[in-house]
Structure formats: C-alpha cells, structure tokens
Amino acid sequence: MQTNIYSKPSDTARKIGYLRLGAIVPRSEKAFGSEGCTGGSWYGVAPRGFVCTGKNATLEIDSALVRAASVRPDASRPLPYAYGFIRAVAPLYLRLPSKEESLASEFKLGEHLAWWERKGHETNRAEHIGANDLAREVIPDAPQVPRSDTLADGILLGGRTEADPPPFWLETGSRKIPNVSGFEVPAASIFANRVRRHTGIAFVGAFNTGPQWDNRRFAITADLRLIPVDKVKPEVASAFHGVELNGAQGIKLPVAFAKPCNPNAKGTPRPCVRTYHDDGGNLKRTTDVLPTRAFLELTGVQRKSKGTRFLETKSGAWVRASDVGVAVVPQEWPQAAQKGERWVDVSIEDQTLVLWEGQKPVYATLVSTGQDGLDDPKKSKATPRGTFRVRSKHITATMDSDGRSAVSGGAAPASGESPSAEDKHAGSFELRDVPYVQYFQDGYALHSAYWHDHFGLPRSHGCINLAPIDALRVFRFTDPPVPDGWHATNVEQGRGTSIVIHR
C-alpha cells in the first residue's frame, strides 16, 4: 500500500515520508544506483528524496495496479475518501463472489438480505449535511459538492454515479490485479480477512453487478478489496467548524462556544446552555437555550453571582463560564509566539484550540481531548500537557482499539489514540484512514474524527479529536506541509509547528 521516501538513495537513510498506492509524482530522468534497492533502482522524486522502484514502486504509470488505484485521497476535502461503518461482519472480498459463495461466506446472509430489501435503501441515505458540504466556509479551495443528504449510497461510498459498472480489473468477476491489502491468502481465495461490525472504512468507489452475482452491489475499499454495499452505512461526518479570527469580520479574542450536553452512549449532542440577564444586579436565567456549539463573542467582563462565574457576551447576555469553551489570549507567551512562529494552543479544561501566528490569533474551535481530563496520561486516557512539536503528518492513518497506528517507518506507537465506540457499541473498533493525522508525541496526535460529533467534550483516549473541517484547517496551518502526491511527511526534530497543551 505504500513506498517509503528516503533522504538519500539508500535503504539505511532517514525515511522522510511515503507515497501511497496509486500516487504519481515527478521523478528524476536518471537513476541514482541500485544498491539496497532489490529489483529496481533509486530515483529522485519531487520535491525531495529518493524512492526505490521494484517491489513497491514502478515507472510504468499505465500499469494495471496504478490504474486500479487511480482514486487517490483528495486533500482539498475534509473527508479525503468516502467513509462508512460496517453494519454486520463482512468478508473483504478479493473478487466478485457468486451467490453460493456469498451464502457460504456470510453469516445469516438470507436474513440480512431480507432486511435489506425491506429497509436497507432508506437507512443508507445520509441523515444530515456532512463535512464536505460546508468545507468552503473555512477552506476556500474546497470543491463545491451536492448536499450529502440528497445523494444515493453508491455516490456516498465513492461511486461516480448510483449505477457504476464494475471496474476494469473485475469486469469478468475474477481479479486482474494482485492483493495489496497486506493480508496474505492463497491465490485462489475468495476473500482476504473479515471486517468487524462498526469498523470505520475508507472507500474509493461502488458499483453494481449482474445476475451472475445476484445483482449485488459492492463498495471498493482504499486497499482495493470489496465489501457488499448492504453491509455498510455511509458516514458523512460532522459539519461543525470553528471561526476565523482577526479577518474580514473583525472577530477578536476572547470568544466562546456553547458546550454540548453530555449525551448518553448512543445519543447526539443536544443544546442545553441557557443565557442570563442582569435583573437589578442579580443574574437571572432566561428561557433562551443556545444552539449546540453556538459561537459567542465575549466582552472580557466576568462576574460572580451566587458563587457562579459568569461571562458577558457582546450581545449583552451572560453565560455561565462552566457552560462554554473559552478561547483567550494567554497570560504568558510561549517561545514560539515570542519568535513570531506559528503555533497551536489547546486548552483541556475549555476543550478549545486556537491557531496563532506569533501573537496574532487566526482561528478558534472546539476539540475533544482525552476523556480523563487532567489526570496522568501515563495512567489514564488523558491528553499529555506541555509543549511539543509536530513530528509527522499523514493525509490518513489507521488507528485501532489498542491505541496503535499504521505509521510509516517503524513500530506503531504504544500509546495515544484508542478510538472508543461510544457512538456505535460498548466496546472498541478499528478506524481506518483517519484523516489529517499529526503526531506530536509517541502515539498522541491531532487528527480528524469522522465517528462522533461531540466536539467540546472530553472523549478520546488521549489524542486531540477535531471535526473534519477543522482538522483540514489545522493540517494546512502547521509546518511542514505534506508535498503534493505524498501521503505523509516525517519532520526533522525541532522543525515542526509547536503545540502547547495546558489546563
């Protein structure tokens, strides 16, 4: 699925990034030798580094595998792939299964298909607008797309239309390209592994079949395996995002966001923050309830009433400080601010994130940090506090319930994100191709969360969860950028953007 990029034409040189399956990048005309490059030669790639052709890379851009992987992650969108959650345990097919093969491979398939015939098509539509729909409110060059809640599931799973034909490498039902999933099986195998219920998957297409395959529809995963569409619930993710500061609208700190109420395990955030008005020196609660995560401009004035701290909004209303996530100018400037560098400010108590250019704030939003708040991250699911630097950036990376991730260049981190399944079930599950991952210490990262909409509440197992639109905004803000065509870049020590995490 990937090939490493090295700082020098040597497999012992530092790994500076990697390309994902299907990536096409400019290369040098001449090779730089072949030592340490089994079956191939070293070529320089843009804008820097060297790749070994042979097992994991080719100069033949018209090869079947490169053409099969022609749908690449779109880093102009909050969701670089199409996404979905597995609704029932499913095989990851390598080729199109016959009806008999499907019945033999899938548990209680007859009952499942009967349910699908009755209710499946309506349950597979998006229930709300998604992250890609509102991206242009924050990301000016994001593509204009149709509303997610108007699209059929084939398109939501990456198809060009609702009735795409099978791809060229499956036209006869058999597979014309190798299995690149990393899960090795005999050549005659129908499928390569199974996927558990509630697993999050990235998709690059969906297509219809004919009577020979029981007219079943299939979605194509990013690693070119197949999952029946009836086993997948499309996910369009939260459309929430933060606000630009010191821009055309003149918004300045301090600002706040109304926090969502803490829902039950399967609930959705609901509005619960009340406003108060000054009644002869006493603050009295009004009947107004602010929308979930409502944005509030503050005057900076605060007061106590009956032992409770209140903040004044520019509209004249008051809110309880405990009901909102506040973004303020820090009392002391970190070193990055004093040097005029870009830096990221994260407050665990307020669940807010602010992007800074020196001492100028440029963006503010809500996040979800570790669910154990200010506890010791070595002994709990808390986010570490301190000053860190971005160590690597990935367009997407896979994270699982052991807090480990498929990052390039060594063993997976032993701590950090362990995405829990409060939205899906009581346990935990694998989340594939999590977008816009930025590691700053061990397995701890800033990253998008397409699986929940509870930003403003502590939720993760240690990482800093961002709504997808915010995750792309932050990913573009931090240095260094991921070069065009690359899937990830590793950062030299001390060169990445500073991240300051505090109470």
Protein backbone atom coordinates (compact mmCIF):
# COMPACT_ATOMS: atom_id res chain seq x y z
CA MET A 1 0.00 0.00 0.00
CA GLN A 2 2.93 2.39 0.40
CA THR A 3 6.55 3.01 -0.50
CA ASN A 4 8.98 4.94 1.63
CA ILE A 5 10.79 8.08 0.57
CA TYR A 6 14.38 8.33 1.82
CA SER A 7 16.63 11.34 2.30
CA LYS A 8 19.36 9.62 0.26
CA PRO A 9 19.37 6.79 -2.31
CA SER A 10 19.89 4.18 0.40
CA ASP A 11 17.58 1.95 2.42
CA THR A 12 19.56 2.89 5.53
CA ALA A 13 18.95 6.62 5.06
CA ARG A 14 16.35 8.55 7.03
CA LYS A 15 12.74 7.99 5.98
CA ILE A 16 11.30 11.41 5.20
CA GLY A 17 7.83 10.36 4.08
CA TYR A 18 5.95 7.87 1.96
CA LEU A 19 3.75 7.52 -1.09
CA ARG A 20 0.50 5.59 -1.04
CA LEU A 21 -0.67 3.08 -3.64
CA GLY A 22 -1.65 4.91 -6.82
CA ALA A 23 0.37 8.06 -6.18
CA ILE A 24 2.08 9.56 -9.23
CA VAL A 25 4.91 12.03 -8.60
CA PRO A 26 7.55 13.66 -10.83
CA ARG A 27 10.91 11.83 -10.82
CA SER A 28 14.46 12.30 -11.98
CA GLU A 29 15.34 11.19 -15.50
CA LYS A 30 18.35 9.19 -14.41
CA ALA A 31 18.66 6.58 -11.71
CA PHE A 32 20.94 7.01 -8.68
CA GLY A 33 22.23 3.46 -8.49
CA SER A 34 20.58 0.30 -7.22
CA GLU A 35 22.45 -0.62 -4.04
CA GLY A 36 19.95 -1.62 -1.37
CA CYS A 37 17.07 -1.43 -3.88
CA THR A 38 16.07 -5.03 -4.59
CA GLY A 39 14.76 -5.50 -8.10
CA GLY A 40 14.96 -1.84 -9.06
CA SER A 41 16.86 1.44 -8.92
CA TRP A 42 16.78 4.65 -6.92
CA TYR A 43 15.12 7.72 -8.43
CA GLY A 44 14.78 11.21 -7.06
CA VAL A 45 11.20 12.39 -6.54
CA ALA A 46 9.70 15.86 -6.24
CA PRO A 47 10.23 17.94 -4.26
CA ARG A 48 12.94 15.94 -2.46
CA GLY A 49 14.04 12.45 -1.53
CA PHE A 50 14.52 9.11 -3.25
CA VAL A 51 12.30 6.11 -3.96
CA CYS A 52 13.30 2.55 -4.78
CA THR A 53 11.50 1.09 -7.78
CA GLY A 54 10.92 -2.64 -7.90
CA LYS A 55 8.58 -4.29 -5.40
CA ASN A 56 6.69 -1.20 -4.21
CA ALA A 57 7.10 1.36 -6.99
CA THR A 58 7.12 1.40 -10.78
CA LEU A 59 7.97 3.72 -13.64
CA GLU A 60 5.01 2.36 -15.61
CA ILE A 61 2.20 4.76 -14.79
CA ASP A 62 -0.17 2.87 -17.10
CA SER A 63 0.24 -0.41 -15.23
CA ALA A 64 -2.97 -2.16 -14.19
CA LEU A 65 -2.38 -1.64 -10.48
CA VAL A 66 -1.70 2.08 -10.83
CA ARG A 67 -4.85 2.48 -12.96
CA ALA A 68 -6.87 0.45 -10.45
CA ALA A 69 -5.73 2.80 -7.68
CA SER A 70 -6.49 5.94 -9.67
CA VAL A 71 -8.88 7.28 -7.00
CA ARG A 72 -6.48 8.93 -4.60
CA PRO A 73 -7.17 10.82 -1.37
CA ASP A 74 -8.45 14.32 -2.09
CA ALA A 75 -6.64 16.61 0.34
CA SER A 76 -8.84 19.55 -0.66
CA ARG A 77 -11.76 17.93 1.20
CA PRO A 78 -12.30 17.42 4.93
CA LEU A 79 -13.04 13.79 4.09
CA PRO A 80 -10.29 12.78 1.64
CA TYR A 81 -12.07 9.50 0.92
CA ALA A 82 -15.66 8.36 1.15
CA TYR A 83 -16.33 6.72 4.52
CA GLY A 84 -18.69 4.21 6.05
CA PHE A 85 -19.20 1.96 9.05
CA ILE A 86 -19.67 -1.78 8.84
CA ARG A 87 -23.18 -2.73 9.96
CA ALA A 88 -22.61 -6.51 10.00
CA VAL A 89 -19.50 -8.69 9.95
CA ALA A 90 -18.39 -8.96 6.34
CA PRO A 91 -15.71 -10.68 4.28
CA LEU A 92 -13.28 -8.43 2.47
CA TYR A 93 -13.68 -9.96 -0.96
CA LEU A 94 -10.87 -10.03 -3.49
CA ARG A 95 -13.16 -10.86 -6.40
CA LEU A 96 -16.88 -10.99 -7.05
CA PRO A 97 -18.46 -13.91 -5.18
CA SER A 98 -21.26 -16.00 -6.63
CA LYS A 99 -24.49 -16.27 -4.68
CA GLU A 100 -23.41 -19.66 -3.37
CA GLU A 101 -20.02 -18.32 -2.30
CA SER A 102 -21.64 -15.38 -0.53
CA LEU A 103 -24.04 -17.66 1.35
CA ALA A 104 -21.11 -19.80 2.45
CA SER A 105 -19.00 -16.82 3.49
CA GLU A 106 -21.51 -14.54 5.27
CA PHE A 107 -23.36 -15.38 8.48
CA LYS A 108 -27.16 -15.48 8.16
CA LEU A 109 -26.96 -13.78 4.80
CA GLY A 110 -30.51 -14.71 3.82
CA GLU A 111 -31.97 -12.91 6.85
CA HIS A 112 -29.72 -9.93 6.27
CA LEU A 113 -30.71 -9.58 2.61
CA ALA A 114 -34.39 -9.86 3.52
CA TRP A 115 -33.94 -6.94 5.94
CA TRP A 116 -32.02 -5.01 3.31
CA GLU A 117 -34.80 -5.49 0.79
CA ARG A 118 -37.32 -4.05 3.27
CA LYS A 119 -35.39 -1.18 4.86
CA GLY A 120 -31.82 -1.01 3.65
CA HIS A 121 -32.07 1.58 0.91
CA GLU A 122 -33.70 4.21 3.12
CA THR A 123 -31.33 3.61 6.04
CA ASN A 124 -28.31 4.04 3.77
CA ARG A 125 -29.04 7.67 2.98
CA ALA A 126 -27.30 10.47 4.84
CA GLU A 127 -29.44 11.88 7.62
CA HIS A 128 -27.81 15.33 7.62
CA ILE A 129 -25.40 17.51 5.73
CA GLY A 130 -21.79 16.48 6.11
CA ALA A 131 -18.28 17.84 6.47
CA ASN A 132 -17.60 18.13 2.74
CA ASP A 133 -20.83 20.10 2.25
CA LEU A 134 -19.74 23.09 4.36
CA ALA A 135 -16.00 22.92 3.78
CA ARG A 136 -15.90 26.09 1.68
CA GLU A 137 -16.96 28.14 4.71
CA VAL A 138 -13.42 27.55 6.02
CA ILE A 139 -11.43 26.03 3.12
CA PRO A 140 -11.88 28.39 0.13
CA ASP A 141 -10.49 25.96 -2.45
CA ALA A 142 -12.58 23.00 -1.30
CA PRO A 143 -14.75 21.68 -4.14
CA GLN A 144 -18.41 22.63 -4.31
CA VAL A 145 -20.34 19.39 -3.83
CA PRO A 146 -24.01 18.37 -3.74
CA ARG A 147 -25.54 18.10 -0.28
CA SER A 148 -24.84 14.70 1.23
CA ASP A 149 -28.46 14.23 2.26
CA THR A 150 -29.51 14.35 -1.40
CA LEU A 151 -27.12 11.63 -2.59
CA ALA A 152 -27.68 7.91 -3.06
CA ASP A 153 -25.46 5.49 -1.16
CA GLY A 154 -23.43 4.47 -4.21
CA ILE A 155 -22.17 8.03 -4.54
CA LEU A 156 -21.72 8.39 -0.78
CA LEU A 157 -19.39 5.39 -0.95
CA GLY A 158 -17.23 6.89 -3.66
CA GLY A 159 -19.05 5.96 -6.86
CA ARG A 160 -19.24 8.45 -9.71
CA THR A 161 -22.93 7.58 -10.21
CA GLU A 162 -25.50 5.43 -8.46
CA ALA A 163 -25.06 2.74 -11.11
CA ASP A 164 -21.34 2.48 -11.85
CA PRO A 165 -20.27 -0.73 -13.62
CA PRO A 166 -17.58 -2.99 -12.14
CA PRO A 167 -14.05 -1.58 -12.56
CA PHE A 168 -11.89 -2.93 -15.37
CA TRP A 169 -9.98 -5.20 -13.00
CA LEU A 170 -13.20 -7.02 -12.07
CA GLU A 171 -15.09 -6.96 -15.37
CA THR A 172 -15.29 -10.76 -15.59
CA GLY A 173 -15.69 -11.23 -11.84
CA SER A 174 -12.15 -12.51 -11.40
CA ARG A 175 -9.36 -10.27 -10.14
CA LYS A 176 -6.80 -8.89 -12.60
CA ILE A 177 -4.56 -7.19 -10.06
CA PRO A 178 -2.63 -8.52 -7.05
CA ASN A 179 -3.89 -8.45 -3.50
CA VAL A 180 -2.25 -5.35 -1.99
CA SER A 181 -4.05 -5.35 1.36
CA GLY A 182 -1.14 -6.79 3.31
CA PHE A 183 -3.32 -9.71 4.44
CA GLU A 184 -1.80 -12.65 2.60
CA VAL A 185 -4.02 -15.50 1.42
CA PRO A 186 -3.69 -18.24 -1.22
CA ALA A 187 -4.17 -17.06 -4.79
CA ALA A 188 -7.49 -18.88 -5.14
CA SER A 189 -9.04 -17.25 -2.04
CA ILE A 190 -12.38 -15.51 -2.39
CA PHE A 191 -11.67 -13.00 0.36
CA ALA A 192 -8.77 -11.67 2.43
CA ASN A 193 -9.86 -11.38 6.06
CA ARG A 194 -13.16 -10.21 7.53
CA VAL A 195 -14.11 -6.85 8.95
CA ARG A 196 -15.89 -6.44 12.27
CA ARG A 197 -19.14 -4.64 12.86
CA HIS A 198 -18.74 -0.89 13.48
CA THR A 199 -15.29 -0.68 11.89
CA GLY A 200 -14.77 2.60 10.05
CA ILE A 201 -13.63 2.11 6.44
CA ALA A 202 -12.47 4.41 3.64
CA PHE A 203 -13.91 3.76 0.18
CA VAL A 204 -12.88 4.77 -3.33
CA GLY A 205 -15.85 3.52 -5.34
CA ALA A 206 -19.04 1.48 -5.54
CA PHE A 207 -20.60 -0.47 -8.39
CA ASN A 208 -23.48 -2.67 -9.49
CA THR A 209 -23.26 -6.25 -10.71
CA GLY A 210 -25.47 -8.54 -12.79
CA PRO A 211 -27.50 -11.72 -12.27
CA GLN A 212 -24.36 -13.87 -12.20
CA TRP A 213 -23.55 -12.24 -8.86
CA ASP A 214 -27.14 -11.95 -7.65
CA ASN A 215 -27.28 -8.27 -8.71
CA ARG A 216 -25.48 -7.38 -5.50
CA ARG A 217 -23.71 -4.04 -5.16
CA PHE A 218 -20.18 -3.66 -3.81
CA ALA A 219 -18.05 -0.86 -2.39
CA ILE A 220 -14.29 -0.72 -3.04
CA THR A 221 -12.01 -0.07 -0.08
CA ALA A 222 -8.89 2.08 -0.29
CA ASP A 223 -6.78 -1.09 -0.41
CA LEU A 224 -8.86 -2.46 -3.31
CA ARG A 225 -10.93 -5.07 -1.51
CA LEU A 226 -14.69 -5.38 -1.80
CA ILE A 227 -17.48 -5.10 0.78
CA PRO A 228 -21.16 -5.55 -0.09
CA VAL A 229 -22.94 -2.18 0.00
CA ASP A 230 -25.70 -3.76 2.09
CA LYS A 231 -23.12 -4.31 4.86
CA VAL A 232 -22.06 -0.63 5.00
CA LYS A 233 -23.65 2.51 6.45
CA PRO A 234 -22.23 5.61 4.69
CA GLU A 235 -20.80 8.29 7.01
CA VAL A 236 -20.65 11.97 6.05
CA ALA A 237 -19.28 13.19 9.42
CA SER A 238 -19.88 16.34 11.44
CA ALA A 239 -20.28 19.63 9.59
CA PHE A 240 -19.22 21.64 12.66
CA HIS A 241 -16.29 24.01 12.34
CA GLY A 242 -14.67 26.91 14.16
CA VAL A 243 -14.27 30.57 13.23
CA GLU A 244 -11.62 32.74 11.62
CA LEU A 245 -10.23 35.49 13.86
CA ASN A 246 -8.94 38.96 13.01
CA GLY A 247 -10.28 38.62 9.48
CA ALA A 248 -12.89 40.49 7.47
CA GLN A 249 -15.50 40.05 10.20
CA GLY A 250 -13.23 41.59 12.81
CA ILE A 251 -13.72 38.82 15.38
CA LYS A 252 -11.20 39.05 18.21
CA LEU A 253 -10.47 37.14 21.40
CA PRO A 254 -11.98 36.39 23.84
CA VAL A 255 -14.59 34.15 22.24
CA ALA A 256 -16.54 31.13 23.40
CA PHE A 257 -18.59 28.19 22.16
CA ALA A 258 -21.63 26.76 23.92
CA LYS A 259 -20.66 23.27 25.01
CA PRO A 260 -22.96 20.36 24.12
CA CYS A 261 -24.63 18.45 26.90
CA ASN A 262 -23.04 15.13 27.71
CA PRO A 263 -25.29 12.66 25.86
CA ASN A 264 -25.75 9.01 26.65
CA ALA A 265 -23.66 6.42 24.81
CA LYS A 266 -25.78 6.43 21.67
CA GLY A 267 -27.08 9.97 21.93
CA THR A 268 -26.37 13.03 19.86
CA PRO A 269 -25.35 16.38 21.32
CA ARG A 270 -28.30 18.49 22.40
CA PRO A 271 -28.50 22.18 23.25
CA CYS A 272 -28.56 22.91 26.96
CA VAL A 273 -26.76 26.21 27.60
CA ARG A 274 -29.05 28.91 29.00
CA THR A 275 -28.43 32.62 28.88
CA TYR A 276 -28.86 35.01 31.80
CA HIS A 277 -29.79 38.68 32.04
CA ASP A 278 -28.99 41.34 34.59
CA ASP A 279 -32.05 41.97 36.75
CA GLY A 280 -31.18 44.81 39.11
CA GLY A 281 -27.74 43.48 39.90
CA ASN A 282 -28.73 39.81 40.00
CA LEU A 283 -28.29 37.47 37.07
CA LYS A 284 -31.46 35.56 36.26
CA ARG A 285 -31.81 32.69 33.84
CA THR A 286 -33.81 33.31 30.69
CA THR A 287 -35.84 30.79 28.71
CA ASP A 288 -33.41 31.04 25.79
CA VAL A 289 -31.34 27.94 25.03
CA LEU A 290 -28.30 28.44 22.83
CA PRO A 291 -27.81 26.07 19.89
CA THR A 292 -25.22 23.37 20.46
CA ARG A 293 -21.74 24.85 19.99
CA ALA A 294 -23.14 28.32 19.33
CA PHE A 295 -20.35 30.83 18.77
CA LEU A 296 -20.23 33.76 21.21
CA GLU A 297 -18.16 36.93 21.15
CA LEU A 298 -17.23 37.99 24.67
CA THR A 299 -16.58 41.43 26.13
CA GLY A 300 -13.94 40.14 28.52
CA VAL A 301 -16.08 41.17 31.52
CA GLN A 302 -16.83 38.48 34.08
CA ARG A 303 -18.58 38.45 37.43
CA LYS A 304 -19.75 36.10 40.14
CA SER A 305 -23.34 35.60 41.15
CA LYS A 306 -24.24 33.27 43.99
CA GLY A 307 -20.82 31.65 43.75
CA THR A 308 -21.02 31.00 40.00
CA ARG A 309 -18.73 32.69 37.50
CA PHE A 310 -20.45 34.32 34.51
CA LEU A 311 -19.11 35.80 31.28
CA GLU A 312 -20.64 38.72 29.40
CA THR A 313 -21.30 38.36 25.68
CA LYS A 314 -21.23 41.25 23.23
CA SER A 315 -24.97 40.81 22.74
CA GLY A 316 -25.49 41.77 26.40
CA ALA A 317 -26.44 38.30 27.61
CA TRP A 318 -24.48 36.40 30.23
CA VAL A 319 -23.47 32.73 30.27
CA ARG A 320 -22.06 30.50 32.97
CA ALA A 321 -18.33 30.01 32.44
CA SER A 322 -18.72 26.27 33.00
CA ASP A 323 -21.21 26.03 30.12
CA VAL A 324 -18.86 27.32 27.43
CA GLY A 325 -15.46 26.62 25.99
CA VAL A 326 -13.47 29.86 26.09
CA ALA A 327 -10.55 30.94 23.93
CA VAL A 328 -8.48 33.78 25.38
CA VAL A 329 -5.12 35.50 25.00
CA PRO A 330 -2.59 33.59 27.15
CA GLN A 331 -1.21 35.23 30.27
CA GLU A 332 2.32 34.29 29.22
CA TRP A 333 3.58 33.93 25.67
CA PRO A 334 5.30 30.67 24.74
CA GLN A 335 8.64 30.77 22.98
CA ALA A 336 7.06 30.20 19.56
CA ALA A 337 4.87 33.30 20.00
CA GLN A 338 7.84 35.41 21.06
CA LYS A 339 9.71 34.31 17.92
CA GLY A 340 6.76 35.13 15.66
CA GLU A 341 6.29 31.48 14.68
CA ARG A 342 3.05 29.68 14.03
CA TRP A 343 1.83 27.63 16.99
CA VAL A 344 -1.22 25.73 18.22
CA ASP A 345 -2.82 26.39 21.62
CA VAL A 346 -5.01 23.69 23.21
CA SER A 347 -6.93 24.06 26.49
CA ILE A 348 -8.06 20.83 28.13
CA GLU A 349 -10.44 22.49 30.60
CA ASP A 350 -12.12 24.57 27.90
CA GLN A 351 -11.80 21.99 25.10
CA THR A 352 -10.70 24.76 22.73
CA LEU A 353 -7.96 25.09 20.14
CA VAL A 354 -6.56 28.36 18.79
CA LEU A 355 -4.16 28.79 15.87
CA TRP A 356 -1.64 31.58 16.34
CA GLU A 357 0.78 33.43 14.09
CA GLY A 358 3.17 34.83 16.66
CA GLN A 359 0.90 36.83 18.97
CA LYS A 360 -1.97 37.09 16.47
CA PRO A 361 -4.82 34.57 16.79
CA VAL A 362 -6.20 33.43 13.43
CA TYR A 363 -8.64 30.57 14.15
CA ALA A 364 -10.55 29.13 17.11
CA THR A 365 -12.63 26.00 17.53
CA LEU A 366 -13.72 23.22 19.88
CA VAL A 367 -11.92 19.89 20.24
CA SER A 368 -12.28 16.63 22.14
CA THR A 369 -9.23 15.74 24.22
CA GLY A 370 -8.63 12.69 26.41
CA GLN A 371 -11.66 11.55 28.36
CA ASP A 372 -9.77 11.55 31.68
CA GLY A 373 -9.20 15.28 31.64
CA LEU A 374 -6.23 16.44 33.69
CA ASP A 375 -5.23 13.01 35.03
CA ASP A 376 -1.81 11.49 34.45
CA PRO A 377 -1.71 10.36 30.79
CA LYS A 378 0.69 7.54 31.74
CA LYS A 379 -2.01 6.02 33.93
CA SER A 380 -5.20 7.12 32.20
CA LYS A 381 -6.87 8.19 28.97
CA ALA A 382 -5.77 11.79 29.35
CA THR A 383 -4.01 14.07 26.89
CA PRO A 384 -0.40 14.93 27.80
CA ARG A 385 0.29 18.54 28.73
CA GLY A 386 3.34 20.52 27.75
CA THR A 387 4.99 22.00 24.67
CA PHE A 388 5.51 19.68 21.72
CA ARG A 389 6.29 19.89 18.02
CA VAL A 390 4.64 18.19 15.07
CA ARG A 391 6.71 15.07 14.33
CA SER A 392 4.91 13.62 11.31
CA LYS A 393 1.88 14.45 9.18
CA HIS A 394 -0.32 11.91 7.39
CA ILE A 395 -3.16 12.54 4.94
CA THR A 396 -4.71 9.46 6.56
CA ALA A 397 -3.57 6.82 9.04
CA THR A 398 -5.30 3.80 10.53
CA MET A 399 -5.94 3.69 14.28
CA ASP A 400 -7.25 0.79 16.30
CA SER A 401 -8.55 -0.07 19.75
CA ASP A 402 -5.05 -0.80 21.05
CA GLY A 403 -4.02 2.80 20.50
CA ARG A 404 -1.69 1.82 17.68
CA SER A 405 -1.47 3.22 14.21
CA ALA A 406 -0.15 2.26 10.83
CA VAL A 407 2.52 4.92 10.51
CA SER A 408 5.48 4.53 8.23
CA GLY A 409 8.97 3.87 9.36
CA GLY A 410 8.88 1.64 12.40
CA ALA A 411 6.79 0.06 15.09
CA ALA A 412 3.39 1.51 15.79
CA PRO A 413 3.17 3.87 18.76
CA ALA A 414 2.40 2.17 22.04
CA SER A 415 0.17 4.89 23.44
CA GLY A 416 -2.24 7.58 22.38
CA GLU A 417 -5.39 7.21 20.35
CA SER A 418 -7.64 4.28 21.08
CA PRO A 419 -10.87 5.40 19.48
CA SER A 420 -13.73 4.16 21.58
CA ALA A 421 -17.07 3.19 20.16
CA GLU A 422 -19.49 5.14 22.31
CA ASP A 423 -21.42 6.06 19.18
CA LYS A 424 -21.50 2.56 17.80
CA HIS A 425 -21.32 -0.07 20.53
CA ALA A 426 -19.99 -0.69 24.00
CA GLY A 427 -16.55 -1.92 23.01
CA SER A 428 -13.98 -0.55 20.64
CA PHE A 429 -13.18 -0.91 16.99
CA GLU A 430 -10.74 -0.16 14.22
CA LEU A 431 -10.86 3.17 12.43
CA ARG A 432 -9.19 3.04 9.05
CA ASP A 433 -7.77 6.02 7.21
CA VAL A 434 -8.37 8.59 9.93
CA PRO A 435 -7.86 11.93 8.13
CA TYR A 436 -5.22 14.58 8.76
CA VAL A 437 -3.18 12.93 11.49
CA GLN A 438 -0.37 14.97 13.07
CA TYR A 439 1.72 13.12 15.65
CA PHE A 440 3.42 15.19 18.32
CA GLN A 441 4.48 12.61 20.92
CA ASP A 442 4.58 8.82 20.69
CA GLY A 443 1.09 7.80 19.55
CA TYR A 444 -0.55 11.10 20.51
CA ALA A 445 -1.81 13.18 17.61
CA LEU A 446 -4.07 15.93 16.41
CA HIS A 447 -6.49 14.31 13.97
CA SER A 448 -9.92 14.37 12.44
CA ALA A 449 -12.71 12.31 14.00
CA TYR A 450 -15.34 11.20 11.50
CA TRP A 451 -17.03 8.88 14.02
CA HIS A 452 -18.50 11.33 16.53
CA ASP A 453 -19.99 14.81 16.84
CA HIS A 454 -19.25 15.61 20.48
CA PHE A 455 -16.60 18.28 19.99
CA GLY A 456 -16.42 20.39 23.12
CA LEU A 457 -16.49 17.34 25.39
CA PRO A 458 -13.51 15.20 26.50
CA ARG A 459 -13.84 12.00 24.54
CA SER A 460 -10.67 10.44 23.15
CA HIS A 461 -8.16 8.02 24.64
CA GLY A 462 -5.51 10.74 24.62
CA CYS A 463 -5.36 12.26 21.16
CA ILE A 464 -6.91 15.60 20.24
CA ASN A 465 -10.00 15.00 18.11
CA LEU A 466 -11.02 17.68 15.63
CA ALA A 467 -14.12 17.99 13.49
CA PRO A 468 -13.14 17.13 9.88
CA ILE A 469 -13.30 20.70 8.56
CA ASP A 470 -11.21 21.95 11.48
CA ALA A 471 -8.74 19.08 11.06
CA LEU A 472 -8.03 20.12 7.47
CA ARG A 473 -7.73 23.78 8.51
CA VAL A 474 -5.18 22.87 11.20
CA PHE A 475 -3.34 20.43 8.91
CA ARG A 476 -2.82 23.16 6.34
CA PHE A 477 -1.76 25.66 9.01
CA THR A 478 1.04 23.60 10.54
CA ASP A 479 4.51 23.17 9.11
CA PRO A 480 5.90 21.49 7.21
CA PRO A 481 3.28 20.88 4.52
CA VAL A 482 2.90 17.41 3.00
CA PRO A 483 4.24 17.70 -0.57
CA ASP A 484 1.82 17.18 -3.45
CA GLY A 485 1.37 13.50 -4.19
CA TRP A 486 2.88 12.33 -0.90
CA HIS A 487 0.73 10.63 1.71
CA ALA A 488 2.87 11.63 4.67
CA THR A 489 5.97 13.50 5.70
CA ASN A 490 8.24 12.93 8.68
CA VAL A 491 9.55 16.08 10.32
CA GLU A 492 13.13 16.77 11.35
CA GLN A 493 13.49 17.32 15.08
CA GLY A 494 12.66 20.89 16.07
CA ARG A 495 11.25 21.82 12.64
CA GLY A 496 7.55 21.12 13.18
CA THR A 497 4.98 23.64 14.38
CA SER A 498 4.78 23.99 18.17
CA ILE A 499 1.74 22.65 20.03
CA VAL A 500 1.12 24.00 23.54
CA ILE A 501 -1.31 21.88 25.59
CA HIS A 502 -2.35 23.17 29.01
CA ARG A 503 -5.18 23.18 31.52
